[in-house]
Amino acid sequence: MLDDLRNTAVSGPEEPVPPELVPSGIPPARQGTRASFLGMTAAQRFVIVLMMLIMTCILGTFCLIITEKIVPPFF
């Protein structure tokens, strides 16, 4: 398998297999569709990330208040 690795890397890309030779049980690869992460659109992912950022900021602030590293001015 690795005996002829250098020659296969130097040679150009292999020619595509004609559709007649592709087994019929294997579906063809989807052309032109972009895979979505966890089935969400870009806008949905942005909202999730924005909510996580806000939650992290709030929880971090509460942690600093509880450990008395910062003191709110109204106390």
C-alpha atoms as a PDB file:
ATOM      1  CA  MET A   1       0.000   0.000   0.000  1.00  0.00           C
ATOM      2  CA  LEU A   2       2.731   2.477   0.943  1.00  0.00           C
ATOM      3  CA  ASP A   3       5.315   1.155  -1.508  1.00  0.00           C
ATOM      4  CA  ASP A   4       4.358   3.510  -4.313  1.00  0.00           C
ATOM      5  CA  LEU A   5       3.222   6.457  -2.166  1.00  0.00           C
ATOM      6  CA  ARG A   6       5.635   9.008  -3.615  1.00  0.00           C
ATOM      7  CA  ASN A   7       4.679   8.177  -7.196  1.00  0.00           C
ATOM      8  CA  THR A   8       0.977   8.356  -6.477  1.00  0.00           C
ATOM      9  CA  ALA A   9       1.421  11.730  -4.758  1.00  0.00           C
ATOM     10  CA  VAL A  10       3.404  13.130  -7.687  1.00  0.00           C
ATOM     11  CA  SER A  11       1.032  11.875 -10.338  1.00  0.00           C
ATOM     12  CA  GLY A  12      -2.010  13.971 -11.132  1.00  0.00           C
ATOM     13  CA  PRO A  13      -5.460  13.306  -9.772  1.00  0.00           C
ATOM     14  CA  GLU A  14      -7.127  10.199 -10.981  1.00  0.00           C
ATOM     15  CA  GLU A  15      -9.787  10.492 -13.612  1.00  0.00           C
ATOM     16  CA  PRO A  16     -13.330  10.298 -12.265  1.00  0.00           C
ATOM     17  CA  VAL A  17     -15.142   7.006 -12.557  1.00  0.00           C
ATOM     18  CA  PRO A  18     -17.848   7.063 -15.241  1.00  0.00           C
ATOM     19  CA  PRO A  19     -21.388   6.825 -13.811  1.00  0.00           C
ATOM     20  CA  GLU A  20     -21.926   3.530 -15.624  1.00  0.00           C
ATOM     21  CA  LEU A  21     -19.242   1.872 -13.462  1.00  0.00           C
ATOM     22  CA  VAL A  22     -20.530   3.171 -10.116  1.00  0.00           C
ATOM     23  CA  PRO A  23     -22.492   0.510  -8.208  1.00  0.00           C
ATOM     24  CA  SER A  24     -26.191   1.277  -8.185  1.00  0.00           C
ATOM     25  CA  GLY A  25     -26.542   0.649  -4.434  1.00  0.00           C
ATOM     26  CA  ILE A  26     -24.359   3.639  -3.520  1.00  0.00           C
ATOM     27  CA  PRO A  27     -26.112   7.019  -3.763  1.00  0.00           C
ATOM     28  CA  PRO A  28     -24.171   9.744  -5.574  1.00  0.00           C
ATOM     29  CA  ALA A  29     -22.619  12.523  -3.513  1.00  0.00           C
ATOM     30  CA  ARG A  30     -24.733  15.625  -3.118  1.00  0.00           C
ATOM     31  CA  GLN A  31     -23.482  18.388  -5.334  1.00  0.00           C
ATOM     32  CA  GLY A  32     -23.884  22.037  -4.374  1.00  0.00           C
ATOM     33  CA  THR A  33     -25.388  21.512  -0.922  1.00  0.00           C
ATOM     34  CA  ARG A  34     -23.597  22.796   2.132  1.00  0.00           C
ATOM     35  CA  ALA A  35     -23.637  20.756   5.279  1.00  0.00           C
ATOM     36  CA  SER A  36     -25.191  22.535   8.227  1.00  0.00           C
ATOM     37  CA  PHE A  37     -23.776  22.124  11.712  1.00  0.00           C
ATOM     38  CA  LEU A  38     -26.294  20.318  13.936  1.00  0.00           C
ATOM     39  CA  GLY A  39     -29.004  21.032  11.384  1.00  0.00           C
ATOM     40  CA  MET A  40     -29.051  24.772  12.106  1.00  0.00           C
ATOM     41  CA  THR A  41     -28.749  27.740   9.795  1.00  0.00           C
ATOM     42  CA  ALA A  42     -26.103  30.407  10.265  1.00  0.00           C
ATOM     43  CA  ALA A  43     -28.590  32.774  11.919  1.00  0.00           C
ATOM     44  CA  GLN A  44     -29.688  30.121  14.400  1.00  0.00           C
ATOM     45  CA  ARG A  45     -26.080  29.308  15.291  1.00  0.00           C
ATOM     46  CA  PHE A  46     -25.381  33.023  15.801  1.00  0.00           C
ATOM     47  CA  VAL A  47     -28.307  33.364  18.225  1.00  0.00           C
ATOM     48  CA  ILE A  48     -27.130  30.322  20.207  1.00  0.00           C
ATOM     49  CA  VAL A  49     -23.569  31.661  20.428  1.00  0.00           C
ATOM     50  CA  LEU A  50     -24.826  35.115  21.416  1.00  0.00           C
ATOM     51  CA  MET A  51     -26.963  33.609  24.190  1.00  0.00           C
ATOM     52  CA  MET A  52     -23.976  31.603  25.442  1.00  0.00           C
ATOM     53  CA  LEU A  53     -21.821  34.759  25.487  1.00  0.00           C
ATOM     54  CA  ILE A  54     -24.420  36.666  27.502  1.00  0.00           C
ATOM     55  CA  MET A  55     -24.844  33.774  29.939  1.00  0.00           C
ATOM     56  CA  THR A  56     -21.065  33.555  30.407  1.00  0.00           C
ATOM     57  CA  CYS A  57     -20.809  37.273  31.135  1.00  0.00           C
ATOM     58  CA  ILE A  58     -23.673  37.158  33.635  1.00  0.00           C
ATOM     59  CA  LEU A  59     -22.384  34.067  35.418  1.00  0.00           C
ATOM     60  CA  GLY A  60     -18.858  35.508  35.541  1.00  0.00           C
ATOM     61  CA  THR A  61     -20.172  38.729  37.049  1.00  0.00           C
ATOM     62  CA  PHE A  62     -22.173  36.810  39.661  1.00  0.00           C
ATOM     63  CA  CYS A  63     -19.100  34.737  40.507  1.00  0.00           C
ATOM     64  CA  LEU A  64     -17.050  37.909  41.045  1.00  0.00           C
ATOM     65  CA  ILE A  65     -19.782  39.409  43.239  1.00  0.00           C
ATOM     66  CA  ILE A  66     -20.117  36.236  45.331  1.00  0.00           C
ATOM     67  CA  THR A  67     -16.356  35.985  45.909  1.00  0.00           C
ATOM     68  CA  GLU A  68     -16.331  39.725  46.733  1.00  0.00           C
ATOM     69  CA  LYS A  69     -13.724  40.531  44.087  1.00  0.00           C
ATOM     70  CA  ILE A  70     -15.982  43.352  42.954  1.00  0.00           C
ATOM     71  CA  VAL A  71     -18.640  45.200  44.925  1.00  0.00           C
ATOM     72  CA  PRO A  72     -21.665  46.709  43.217  1.00  0.00           C
ATOM     73  CA  PRO A  73     -22.033  50.418  44.027  1.00  0.00           C
ATOM     74  CA  PHE A  74     -25.558  50.036  45.457  1.00  0.00           C
ATOM     75  CA  PHE A  75     -24.444  47.778  48.366  1.00  0.00           C
END
